[in-house]
mmCIF file of all heavy atoms, coordinates in Angstrom:
data_MODEL
# 
_entry.id   MODEL 
# 
loop_
_atom_site.group_PDB 
_atom_site.id 
_atom_site.type_symbol 
_atom_site.label_atom_id 
_atom_site.label_alt_id 
_atom_site.label_comp_id 
_atom_site.label_asym_id 
_atom_site.label_entity_id 
_atom_site.label_seq_id 
_atom_site.pdbx_PDB_ins_code 
_atom_site.Cartn_x 
_atom_site.Cartn_y 
_atom_site.Cartn_z 
_atom_site.occupancy 
_atom_site.B_iso_or_equiv 
_atom_site.pdbx_formal_charge 
_atom_site.auth_seq_id 
_atom_site.auth_comp_id 
_atom_site.auth_asym_id 
_atom_site.auth_atom_id 
_atom_site.pdbx_PDB_model_num 
ATOM 1   N N   . ARG A 1 1  ? 166.419 43.792 159.498 1.00 0.00 ? 1  ARG A N   1 
ATOM 2   C CA  . ARG A 1 1  ? 165.680 42.474 159.859 1.00 0.00 ? 1  ARG A CA  1 
ATOM 3   C C   . ARG A 1 1  ? 166.470 41.838 160.947 1.00 0.00 ? 1  ARG A C   1 
ATOM 4   O O   . ARG A 1 1  ? 167.745 41.693 160.752 1.00 0.00 ? 1  ARG A O   1 
ATOM 5   C CB  . ARG A 1 1  ? 165.628 41.604 158.642 1.00 0.00 ? 1  ARG A CB  1 
ATOM 6   C CG  . ARG A 1 1  ? 164.822 42.061 157.479 1.00 0.00 ? 1  ARG A CG  1 
ATOM 7   C CD  . ARG A 1 1  ? 163.293 42.208 157.858 1.00 0.00 ? 1  ARG A CD  1 
ATOM 8   N NE  . ARG A 1 1  ? 162.735 41.107 158.364 1.00 0.00 ? 1  ARG A NE  1 
ATOM 9   C CZ  . ARG A 1 1  ? 162.281 40.031 157.772 1.00 0.00 ? 1  ARG A CZ  1 
ATOM 10  N NH1 . ARG A 1 1  ? 162.395 39.992 156.413 1.00 0.00 ? 1  ARG A NH1 1 
ATOM 11  N NH2 . ARG A 1 1  ? 161.805 38.984 158.371 1.00 0.00 ? 1  ARG A NH2 1 
ATOM 12  N N   . ASN A 1 2  ? 165.864 41.395 162.026 1.00 0.00 ? 2  ASN A N   1 
ATOM 13  C CA  . ASN A 1 2  ? 166.592 40.731 163.113 1.00 0.00 ? 2  ASN A CA  1 
ATOM 14  C C   . ASN A 1 2  ? 166.297 39.261 163.205 1.00 0.00 ? 2  ASN A C   1 
ATOM 15  O O   . ASN A 1 2  ? 165.113 39.002 163.224 1.00 0.00 ? 2  ASN A O   1 
ATOM 16  C CB  . ASN A 1 2  ? 166.302 41.441 164.470 1.00 0.00 ? 2  ASN A CB  1 
ATOM 17  C CG  . ASN A 1 2  ? 166.858 42.790 164.528 1.00 0.00 ? 2  ASN A CG  1 
ATOM 18  O OD1 . ASN A 1 2  ? 168.131 43.066 164.216 1.00 0.00 ? 2  ASN A OD1 1 
ATOM 19  N ND2 . ASN A 1 2  ? 166.069 43.857 164.813 1.00 0.00 ? 2  ASN A ND2 1 
ATOM 20  N N   . ASN A 1 3  ? 167.268 38.364 163.144 1.00 0.00 ? 3  ASN A N   1 
ATOM 21  C CA  . ASN A 1 3  ? 167.037 36.966 163.291 1.00 0.00 ? 3  ASN A CA  1 
ATOM 22  C C   . ASN A 1 3  ? 165.973 36.454 162.306 1.00 0.00 ? 3  ASN A C   1 
ATOM 23  O O   . ASN A 1 3  ? 165.093 35.844 162.685 1.00 0.00 ? 3  ASN A O   1 
ATOM 24  C CB  . ASN A 1 3  ? 166.610 36.626 164.749 1.00 0.00 ? 3  ASN A CB  1 
ATOM 25  C CG  . ASN A 1 3  ? 167.671 37.013 165.834 1.00 0.00 ? 3  ASN A CG  1 
ATOM 26  O OD1 . ASN A 1 3  ? 168.864 36.732 165.517 1.00 0.00 ? 3  ASN A OD1 1 
ATOM 27  N ND2 . ASN A 1 3  ? 167.190 37.556 166.968 1.00 0.00 ? 3  ASN A ND2 1 
ATOM 28  N N   . ALA A 1 4  ? 166.229 36.839 161.110 1.00 0.00 ? 4  ALA A N   1 
ATOM 29  C CA  . ALA A 1 4  ? 165.345 36.412 160.000 1.00 0.00 ? 4  ALA A CA  1 
ATOM 30  C C   . ALA A 1 4  ? 166.061 35.554 159.073 1.00 0.00 ? 4  ALA A C   1 
ATOM 31  O O   . ALA A 1 4  ? 167.240 35.535 158.909 1.00 0.00 ? 4  ALA A O   1 
ATOM 32  C CB  . ALA A 1 4  ? 164.894 37.762 159.271 1.00 0.00 ? 4  ALA A CB  1 
ATOM 33  N N   . PRO A 1 5  ? 165.258 34.634 158.319 1.00 0.00 ? 5  PRO A N   1 
ATOM 34  C CA  . PRO A 1 5  ? 165.897 33.811 157.344 1.00 0.00 ? 5  PRO A CA  1 
ATOM 35  C C   . PRO A 1 5  ? 166.565 34.674 156.228 1.00 0.00 ? 5  PRO A C   1 
ATOM 36  O O   . PRO A 1 5  ? 166.175 35.690 155.857 1.00 0.00 ? 5  PRO A O   1 
ATOM 37  C CB  . PRO A 1 5  ? 164.692 33.042 156.750 1.00 0.00 ? 5  PRO A CB  1 
ATOM 38  C CG  . PRO A 1 5  ? 163.687 33.057 157.822 1.00 0.00 ? 5  PRO A CG  1 
ATOM 39  C CD  . PRO A 1 5  ? 163.815 34.367 158.485 1.00 0.00 ? 5  PRO A CD  1 
ATOM 40  N N   . SER A 1 6  ? 167.669 34.017 155.729 1.00 0.00 ? 6  SER A N   1 
ATOM 41  C CA  . SER A 1 6  ? 168.469 34.744 154.715 1.00 0.00 ? 6  SER A CA  1 
ATOM 42  C C   . SER A 1 6  ? 169.132 33.684 153.869 1.00 0.00 ? 6  SER A C   1 
ATOM 43  O O   . SER A 1 6  ? 169.058 32.544 154.036 1.00 0.00 ? 6  SER A O   1 
ATOM 44  C CB  . SER A 1 6  ? 169.488 35.634 155.277 1.00 0.00 ? 6  SER A CB  1 
ATOM 45  O OG  . SER A 1 6  ? 170.637 34.926 155.771 1.00 0.00 ? 6  SER A OG  1 
ATOM 46  N N   . ILE A 1 7  ? 169.965 34.103 152.806 1.00 0.00 ? 7  ILE A N   1 
ATOM 47  C CA  . ILE A 1 7  ? 170.643 33.258 152.087 1.00 0.00 ? 7  ILE A CA  1 
ATOM 48  C C   . ILE A 1 7  ? 171.840 32.581 152.858 1.00 0.00 ? 7  ILE A C   1 
ATOM 49  O O   . ILE A 1 7  ? 172.400 31.503 152.469 1.00 0.00 ? 7  ILE A O   1 
ATOM 50  C CB  . ILE A 1 7  ? 171.336 33.833 150.777 1.00 0.00 ? 7  ILE A CB  1 
ATOM 51  C CG1 . ILE A 1 7  ? 172.170 35.013 151.206 1.00 0.00 ? 7  ILE A CG1 1 
ATOM 52  C CG2 . ILE A 1 7  ? 170.231 34.320 149.877 1.00 0.00 ? 7  ILE A CG2 1 
ATOM 53  C CD1 . ILE A 1 7  ? 172.985 35.565 150.062 1.00 0.00 ? 7  ILE A CD1 1 
ATOM 54  N N   . ASN A 1 8  ? 172.097 33.051 154.098 1.00 0.00 ? 8  ASN A N   1 
ATOM 55  C CA  . ASN A 1 8  ? 173.056 32.456 154.941 1.00 0.00 ? 8  ASN A CA  1 
ATOM 56  C C   . ASN A 1 8  ? 172.408 31.922 156.163 1.00 0.00 ? 8  ASN A C   1 
ATOM 57  O O   . ASN A 1 8  ? 173.058 31.978 157.287 1.00 0.00 ? 8  ASN A O   1 
ATOM 58  C CB  . ASN A 1 8  ? 174.190 33.387 155.314 1.00 0.00 ? 8  ASN A CB  1 
ATOM 59  C CG  . ASN A 1 8  ? 175.151 33.632 154.110 1.00 0.00 ? 8  ASN A CG  1 
ATOM 60  O OD1 . ASN A 1 8  ? 175.184 32.877 153.144 1.00 0.00 ? 8  ASN A OD1 1 
ATOM 61  N ND2 . ASN A 1 8  ? 175.990 34.639 154.161 1.00 0.00 ? 8  ASN A ND2 1 
ATOM 62  N N   . GLY A 1 9  ? 171.145 31.437 156.060 1.00 0.00 ? 9  GLY A N   1 
ATOM 63  C CA  . GLY A 1 9  ? 170.580 31.038 157.309 1.00 0.00 ? 9  GLY A CA  1 
ATOM 64  C C   . GLY A 1 9  ? 169.907 32.139 158.037 1.00 0.00 ? 9  GLY A C   1 
ATOM 65  O O   . GLY A 1 9  ? 169.762 33.265 157.603 1.00 0.00 ? 9  GLY A O   1 
ATOM 66  N N   . THR A 1 10 ? 169.550 31.839 159.344 1.00 0.00 ? 10 THR A N   1 
ATOM 67  C CA  . THR A 1 10 ? 168.922 32.886 160.081 1.00 0.00 ? 10 THR A CA  1 
ATOM 68  C C   . THR A 1 10 ? 169.985 33.855 160.673 1.00 0.00 ? 10 THR A C   1 
ATOM 69  O O   . THR A 1 10 ? 170.916 33.560 161.244 1.00 0.00 ? 10 THR A O   1 
ATOM 70  C CB  . THR A 1 10 ? 168.268 32.220 161.389 1.00 0.00 ? 10 THR A CB  1 
ATOM 71  O OG1 . THR A 1 10 ? 167.200 31.322 160.940 1.00 0.00 ? 10 THR A OG1 1 
ATOM 72  C CG2 . THR A 1 10 ? 167.583 33.291 162.290 1.00 0.00 ? 10 THR A CG2 1 
ATOM 73  N N   . GLN A 1 11 ? 169.748 35.119 160.235 1.00 0.00 ? 11 GLN A N   1 
ATOM 74  C CA  . GLN A 1 11 ? 170.771 36.194 160.478 1.00 0.00 ? 11 GLN A CA  1 
ATOM 75  C C   . GLN A 1 11 ? 170.014 37.458 160.757 1.00 0.00 ? 11 GLN A C   1 
ATOM 76  O O   . GLN A 1 11 ? 168.839 37.622 160.415 1.00 0.00 ? 11 GLN A O   1 
ATOM 77  C CB  . GLN A 1 11 ? 171.688 36.378 159.260 1.00 0.00 ? 11 GLN A CB  1 
ATOM 78  C CG  . GLN A 1 11 ? 172.500 35.169 158.863 1.00 0.00 ? 11 GLN A CG  1 
ATOM 79  C CD  . GLN A 1 11 ? 173.774 35.054 159.560 1.00 0.00 ? 11 GLN A CD  1 
ATOM 80  O OE1 . GLN A 1 11 ? 174.216 36.050 160.258 1.00 0.00 ? 11 GLN A OE1 1 
ATOM 81  N NE2 . GLN A 1 11 ? 174.416 33.915 159.600 1.00 0.00 ? 11 GLN A NE2 1 
ATOM 82  N N   . SER A 1 12 ? 170.730 38.568 161.284 1.00 0.00 ? 12 SER A N   1 
ATOM 83  C CA  . SER A 1 12 ? 170.272 39.899 161.242 1.00 0.00 ? 12 SER A CA  1 
ATOM 84  C C   . SER A 1 12 ? 170.997 40.597 160.230 1.00 0.00 ? 12 SER A C   1 
ATOM 85  O O   . SER A 1 12 ? 172.207 40.457 159.911 1.00 0.00 ? 12 SER A O   1 
ATOM 86  C CB  . SER A 1 12 ? 170.527 40.508 162.676 1.00 0.00 ? 12 SER A CB  1 
ATOM 87  O OG  . SER A 1 12 ? 169.841 39.910 163.676 1.00 0.00 ? 12 SER A OG  1 
ATOM 88  N N   . PHE A 1 13 ? 170.182 41.384 159.313 1.00 0.00 ? 13 PHE A N   1 
ATOM 89  C CA  . PHE A 1 13 ? 170.911 42.068 158.285 1.00 0.00 ? 13 PHE A CA  1 
ATOM 90  C C   . PHE A 1 13 ? 170.076 43.312 157.810 1.00 0.00 ? 13 PHE A C   1 
ATOM 91  O O   . PHE A 1 13 ? 168.879 43.512 158.293 1.00 0.00 ? 13 PHE A O   1 
ATOM 92  C CB  . PHE A 1 13 ? 170.929 41.061 157.089 1.00 0.00 ? 13 PHE A CB  1 
ATOM 93  C CG  . PHE A 1 13 ? 169.586 40.494 156.709 1.00 0.00 ? 13 PHE A CG  1 
ATOM 94  C CD1 . PHE A 1 13 ? 168.700 41.155 155.754 1.00 0.00 ? 13 PHE A CD1 1 
ATOM 95  C CD2 . PHE A 1 13 ? 169.213 39.263 157.220 1.00 0.00 ? 13 PHE A CD2 1 
ATOM 96  C CE1 . PHE A 1 13 ? 167.419 40.558 155.478 1.00 0.00 ? 13 PHE A CE1 1 
ATOM 97  C CE2 . PHE A 1 13 ? 167.902 38.736 156.924 1.00 0.00 ? 13 PHE A CE2 1 
ATOM 98  C CZ  . PHE A 1 13 ? 167.095 39.293 156.095 1.00 0.00 ? 13 PHE A CZ  1 
ATOM 99  N N   . ASP A 1 14 ? 170.607 44.229 157.031 1.00 0.00 ? 14 ASP A N   1 
ATOM 100 C CA  . ASP A 1 14 ? 170.011 45.383 156.623 1.00 0.00 ? 14 ASP A CA  1 
ATOM 101 C C   . ASP A 1 14 ? 169.255 45.085 155.294 1.00 0.00 ? 14 ASP A C   1 
ATOM 102 O O   . ASP A 1 14 ? 169.702 44.233 154.474 1.00 0.00 ? 14 ASP A O   1 
ATOM 103 C CB  . ASP A 1 14 ? 171.024 46.505 156.349 1.00 0.00 ? 14 ASP A CB  1 
ATOM 104 C CG  . ASP A 1 14 ? 171.348 47.087 157.687 1.00 0.00 ? 14 ASP A CG  1 
ATOM 105 O OD1 . ASP A 1 14 ? 170.746 47.036 158.623 1.00 0.00 ? 14 ASP A OD1 1 
ATOM 106 O OD2 . ASP A 1 14 ? 172.549 47.646 157.707 1.00 0.00 ? 14 ASP A OD2 1 
ATOM 107 N N   . GLN A 1 15 ? 168.268 45.921 154.914 1.00 0.00 ? 15 GLN A N   1 
ATOM 108 C CA  . GLN A 1 15 ? 167.581 45.938 153.717 1.00 0.00 ? 15 GLN A CA  1 
ATOM 109 C C   . GLN A 1 15 ? 167.694 47.403 153.211 1.00 0.00 ? 15 GLN A C   1 
ATOM 110 O O   . GLN A 1 15 ? 167.518 48.321 153.839 1.00 0.00 ? 15 GLN A O   1 
ATOM 111 C CB  . GLN A 1 15 ? 166.057 45.591 153.765 1.00 0.00 ? 15 GLN A CB  1 
ATOM 112 C CG  . GLN A 1 15 ? 165.778 44.141 154.270 1.00 0.00 ? 15 GLN A CG  1 
ATOM 113 C CD  . GLN A 1 15 ? 164.308 44.027 154.377 1.00 0.00 ? 15 GLN A CD  1 
ATOM 114 O OE1 . GLN A 1 15 ? 163.616 45.010 154.970 1.00 0.00 ? 15 GLN A OE1 1 
ATOM 115 N NE2 . GLN A 1 15 ? 163.669 42.846 153.936 1.00 0.00 ? 15 GLN A NE2 1 
ATOM 116 N N   . TYR A 1 16 ? 168.217 47.451 151.855 1.00 0.00 ? 16 TYR A N   1 
ATOM 117 C CA  . TYR A 1 16 ? 168.215 48.814 151.139 1.00 0.00 ? 16 TYR A CA  1 
ATOM 118 C C   . TYR A 1 16 ? 167.067 48.713 150.177 1.00 0.00 ? 16 TYR A C   1 
ATOM 119 O O   . TYR A 1 16 ? 166.883 47.858 149.349 1.00 0.00 ? 16 TYR A O   1 
ATOM 120 C CB  . TYR A 1 16 ? 169.571 49.006 150.414 1.00 0.00 ? 16 TYR A CB  1 
ATOM 121 C CG  . TYR A 1 16 ? 170.720 48.836 151.183 1.00 0.00 ? 16 TYR A CG  1 
ATOM 122 C CD1 . TYR A 1 16 ? 171.965 48.606 150.640 1.00 0.00 ? 16 TYR A CD1 1 
ATOM 123 C CD2 . TYR A 1 16 ? 170.817 48.945 152.714 1.00 0.00 ? 16 TYR A CD2 1 
ATOM 124 C CE1 . TYR A 1 16 ? 173.161 48.520 151.333 1.00 0.00 ? 16 TYR A CE1 1 
ATOM 125 C CE2 . TYR A 1 16 ? 171.938 48.879 153.388 1.00 0.00 ? 16 TYR A CE2 1 
ATOM 126 C CZ  . TYR A 1 16 ? 173.178 48.719 152.731 1.00 0.00 ? 16 TYR A CZ  1 
ATOM 127 O OH  . TYR A 1 16 ? 174.349 48.464 153.401 1.00 0.00 ? 16 TYR A OH  1 
ATOM 128 N N   . ILE A 1 17 ? 166.279 49.814 150.218 1.00 0.00 ? 17 ILE A N   1 
ATOM 129 C CA  . ILE A 1 17 ? 164.966 49.877 149.446 1.00 0.00 ? 17 ILE A CA  1 
ATOM 130 C C   . ILE A 1 17 ? 164.948 51.129 148.647 1.00 0.00 ? 17 ILE A C   1 
ATOM 131 O O   . ILE A 1 17 ? 164.851 52.216 149.360 1.00 0.00 ? 17 ILE A O   1 
ATOM 132 C CB  . ILE A 1 17 ? 163.777 49.651 150.284 1.00 0.00 ? 17 ILE A CB  1 
ATOM 133 C CG1 . ILE A 1 17 ? 163.930 48.362 151.160 1.00 0.00 ? 17 ILE A CG1 1 
ATOM 134 C CG2 . ILE A 1 17 ? 162.460 49.536 149.430 1.00 0.00 ? 17 ILE A CG2 1 
ATOM 135 C CD1 . ILE A 1 17 ? 162.840 48.221 152.319 1.00 0.00 ? 17 ILE A CD1 1 
ATOM 136 N N   . SER A 1 18 ? 164.906 51.069 147.357 1.00 0.00 ? 18 SER A N   1 
ATOM 137 C CA  . SER A 1 18 ? 164.589 52.287 146.512 1.00 0.00 ? 18 SER A CA  1 
ATOM 138 C C   . SER A 1 18 ? 163.139 52.091 146.005 1.00 0.00 ? 18 SER A C   1 
ATOM 139 O O   . SER A 1 18 ? 162.971 50.984 145.387 1.00 0.00 ? 18 SER A O   1 
ATOM 140 C CB  . SER A 1 18 ? 165.523 52.462 145.441 1.00 0.00 ? 18 SER A CB  1 
ATOM 141 O OG  . SER A 1 18 ? 166.796 52.724 145.789 1.00 0.00 ? 18 SER A OG  1 
ATOM 142 N N   . VAL A 1 19 ? 162.218 53.154 146.154 1.00 0.00 ? 19 VAL A N   1 
ATOM 143 C CA  . VAL A 1 19 ? 160.970 52.929 145.658 1.00 0.00 ? 19 VAL A CA  1 
ATOM 144 C C   . VAL A 1 19 ? 160.676 54.001 144.605 1.00 0.00 ? 19 VAL A C   1 
ATOM 145 O O   . VAL A 1 19 ? 160.799 55.243 144.804 1.00 0.00 ? 19 VAL A O   1 
ATOM 146 C CB  . VAL A 1 19 ? 159.923 52.983 146.723 1.00 0.00 ? 19 VAL A CB  1 
ATOM 147 C CG1 . VAL A 1 19 ? 158.508 52.918 146.235 1.00 0.00 ? 19 VAL A CG1 1 
ATOM 148 C CG2 . VAL A 1 19 ? 160.238 52.004 147.771 1.00 0.00 ? 19 VAL A CG2 1 
ATOM 149 N N   . ARG A 1 20 ? 160.247 53.634 143.435 1.00 0.00 ? 20 ARG A N   1 
ATOM 150 C CA  . ARG A 1 20 ? 160.069 54.590 142.256 1.00 0.00 ? 20 ARG A CA  1 
ATOM 151 C C   . ARG A 1 20 ? 158.857 55.476 142.635 1.00 0.00 ? 20 ARG A C   1 
ATOM 152 O O   . ARG A 1 20 ? 157.793 54.921 143.000 1.00 0.00 ? 20 ARG A O   1 
ATOM 153 C CB  . ARG A 1 20 ? 159.857 53.717 140.938 1.00 0.00 ? 20 ARG A CB  1 
ATOM 154 C CG  . ARG A 1 20 ? 159.808 54.672 139.694 1.00 0.00 ? 20 ARG A CG  1 
ATOM 155 C CD  . ARG A 1 20 ? 159.548 53.871 138.458 1.00 0.00 ? 20 ARG A CD  1 
ATOM 156 N NE  . ARG A 1 20 ? 159.893 54.425 137.338 1.00 0.00 ? 20 ARG A NE  1 
ATOM 157 C CZ  . ARG A 1 20 ? 159.147 55.344 136.632 1.00 0.00 ? 20 ARG A CZ  1 
ATOM 158 N NH1 . ARG A 1 20 ? 157.913 55.617 137.083 1.00 0.00 ? 20 ARG A NH1 1 
ATOM 159 N NH2 . ARG A 1 20 ? 159.611 55.898 135.469 1.00 0.00 ? 20 ARG A NH2 1 
ATOM 160 N N   . ASN A 1 21 ? 158.974 56.781 142.325 1.00 0.00 ? 21 ASN A N   1 
ATOM 161 C CA  . ASN A 1 21 ? 157.819 57.751 142.421 1.00 0.00 ? 21 ASN A CA  1 
ATOM 162 C C   . ASN A 1 21 ? 157.855 58.626 141.218 1.00 0.00 ? 21 ASN A C   1 
ATOM 163 O O   . ASN A 1 21 ? 158.807 59.429 140.999 1.00 0.00 ? 21 ASN A O   1 
ATOM 164 C CB  . ASN A 1 21 ? 158.185 58.497 143.706 1.00 0.00 ? 21 ASN A CB  1 
ATOM 165 C CG  . ASN A 1 21 ? 156.972 59.542 143.911 1.00 0.00 ? 21 ASN A CG  1 
ATOM 166 O OD1 . ASN A 1 21 ? 155.844 59.330 143.451 1.00 0.00 ? 21 ASN A OD1 1 
ATOM 167 N ND2 . ASN A 1 21 ? 157.314 60.533 144.788 1.00 0.00 ? 21 ASN A ND2 1 
ATOM 168 N N   . PRO A 1 22 ? 156.878 58.557 140.337 1.00 0.00 ? 22 PRO A N   1 
ATOM 169 C CA  . PRO A 1 22 ? 155.680 57.680 140.573 1.00 0.00 ? 22 PRO A CA  1 
ATOM 170 C C   . PRO A 1 22 ? 155.982 56.396 140.216 1.00 0.00 ? 22 PRO A C   1 
ATOM 171 O O   . PRO A 1 22 ? 156.690 56.112 139.401 1.00 0.00 ? 22 PRO A O   1 
ATOM 172 C CB  . PRO A 1 22 ? 154.734 58.388 139.585 1.00 0.00 ? 22 PRO A CB  1 
ATOM 173 C CG  . PRO A 1 22 ? 155.549 58.862 138.450 1.00 0.00 ? 22 PRO A CG  1 
ATOM 174 C CD  . PRO A 1 22 ? 156.756 59.348 139.172 1.00 0.00 ? 22 PRO A CD  1 
ATOM 175 N N   . LYS A 1 23 ? 155.318 55.367 140.936 1.00 0.00 ? 23 LYS A N   1 
ATOM 176 C CA  . LYS A 1 23 ? 155.413 53.985 140.674 1.00 0.00 ? 23 LYS A CA  1 
ATOM 177 C C   . LYS A 1 23 ? 154.754 53.714 139.242 1.00 0.00 ? 23 LYS A C   1 
ATOM 178 O O   . LYS A 1 23 ? 153.828 54.500 138.853 1.00 0.00 ? 23 LYS A O   1 
ATOM 179 C CB  . LYS A 1 23 ? 154.735 53.080 141.700 1.00 0.00 ? 23 LYS A CB  1 
ATOM 180 C CG  . LYS A 1 23 ? 153.277 53.403 141.761 1.00 0.00 ? 23 LYS A CG  1 
ATOM 181 C CD  . LYS A 1 23 ? 152.533 52.449 142.863 1.00 0.00 ? 23 LYS A CD  1 
ATOM 182 C CE  . LYS A 1 23 ? 151.092 52.588 142.961 1.00 0.00 ? 23 LYS A CE  1 
ATOM 183 N NZ  . LYS A 1 23 ? 150.524 51.811 143.914 1.00 0.00 ? 23 LYS A NZ  1 
ATOM 184 N N   . HIS A 1 24 ? 155.189 52.724 138.640 1.00 0.00 ? 24 HIS A N   1 
ATOM 185 C CA  . HIS A 1 24 ? 154.361 52.167 137.465 1.00 0.00 ? 24 HIS A CA  1 
ATOM 186 C C   . HIS A 1 24 ? 153.147 51.584 138.004 1.00 0.00 ? 24 HIS A C   1 
ATOM 187 O O   . HIS A 1 24 ? 153.167 50.776 138.953 1.00 0.00 ? 24 HIS A O   1 
ATOM 188 C CB  . HIS A 1 24 ? 155.336 51.210 136.688 1.00 0.00 ? 24 HIS A CB  1 
ATOM 189 C CG  . HIS A 1 24 ? 156.473 51.728 135.890 1.00 0.00 ? 24 HIS A CG  1 
ATOM 190 N ND1 . HIS A 1 24 ? 156.247 52.749 134.939 1.00 0.00 ? 24 HIS A ND1 1 
ATOM 191 C CD2 . HIS A 1 24 ? 157.787 51.529 135.899 1.00 0.00 ? 24 HIS A CD2 1 
ATOM 192 C CE1 . HIS A 1 24 ? 157.412 53.168 134.486 1.00 0.00 ? 24 HIS A CE1 1 
ATOM 193 N NE2 . HIS A 1 24 ? 158.389 52.331 135.042 1.00 0.00 ? 24 HIS A NE2 1 
ATOM 194 N N   . ASN A 1 25 ? 152.103 51.914 137.319 1.00 0.00 ? 25 ASN A N   1 
ATOM 195 C CA  . ASN A 1 25 ? 150.815 51.286 137.737 1.00 0.00 ? 25 ASN A CA  1 
ATOM 196 C C   . ASN A 1 25 ? 150.772 49.863 137.379 1.00 0.00 ? 25 ASN A C   1 
ATOM 197 O O   . ASN A 1 25 ? 151.320 49.371 136.280 1.00 0.00 ? 25 ASN A O   1 
ATOM 198 C CB  . ASN A 1 25 ? 149.575 52.012 137.104 1.00 0.00 ? 25 ASN A CB  1 
ATOM 199 C CG  . ASN A 1 25 ? 149.427 53.404 137.660 1.00 0.00 ? 25 ASN A CG  1 
ATOM 200 O OD1 . ASN A 1 25 ? 149.644 53.581 138.885 1.00 0.00 ? 25 ASN A OD1 1 
ATOM 201 N ND2 . ASN A 1 25 ? 149.082 54.289 136.969 1.00 0.00 ? 25 ASN A ND2 1 
ATOM 202 N N   . PRO A 1 26 ? 150.226 48.929 138.105 1.00 0.00 ? 26 PRO A N   1 
ATOM 203 C CA  . PRO A 1 26 ? 150.004 47.422 137.736 1.00 0.00 ? 26 PRO A CA  1 
ATOM 204 C C   . PRO A 1 26 ? 149.251 47.363 136.388 1.00 0.00 ? 26 PRO A C   1 
ATOM 205 O O   . PRO A 1 26 ? 148.464 48.393 136.112 1.00 0.00 ? 26 PRO A O   1 
ATOM 206 C CB  . PRO A 1 26 ? 149.301 46.896 138.961 1.00 0.00 ? 26 PRO A CB  1 
ATOM 207 C CG  . PRO A 1 26 ? 149.653 47.786 140.091 1.00 0.00 ? 26 PRO A CG  1 
ATOM 208 C CD  . PRO A 1 26 ? 149.767 49.202 139.491 1.00 0.00 ? 26 PRO A CD  1 
ATOM 209 N N   . GLY A 1 27 ? 149.374 46.345 135.705 1.00 0.00 ? 27 GLY A N   1 
ATOM 210 C CA  . GLY A 1 27 ? 148.779 46.145 134.393 1.00 0.00 ? 27 GLY A CA  1 
ATOM 211 C C   . GLY A 1 27 ? 149.876 45.869 133.409 1.00 0.00 ? 27 GLY A C   1 
ATOM 212 O O   . GLY A 1 27 ? 150.865 45.447 133.773 1.00 0.00 ? 27 GLY A O   1 
# 
């Protein structure tokens, strides 16, 4: 994310994302 709002104001920062497979279905 470049020049985006964060907990420290507008900053550039990385996002780490782990996504479950298979995902749990909503409900």
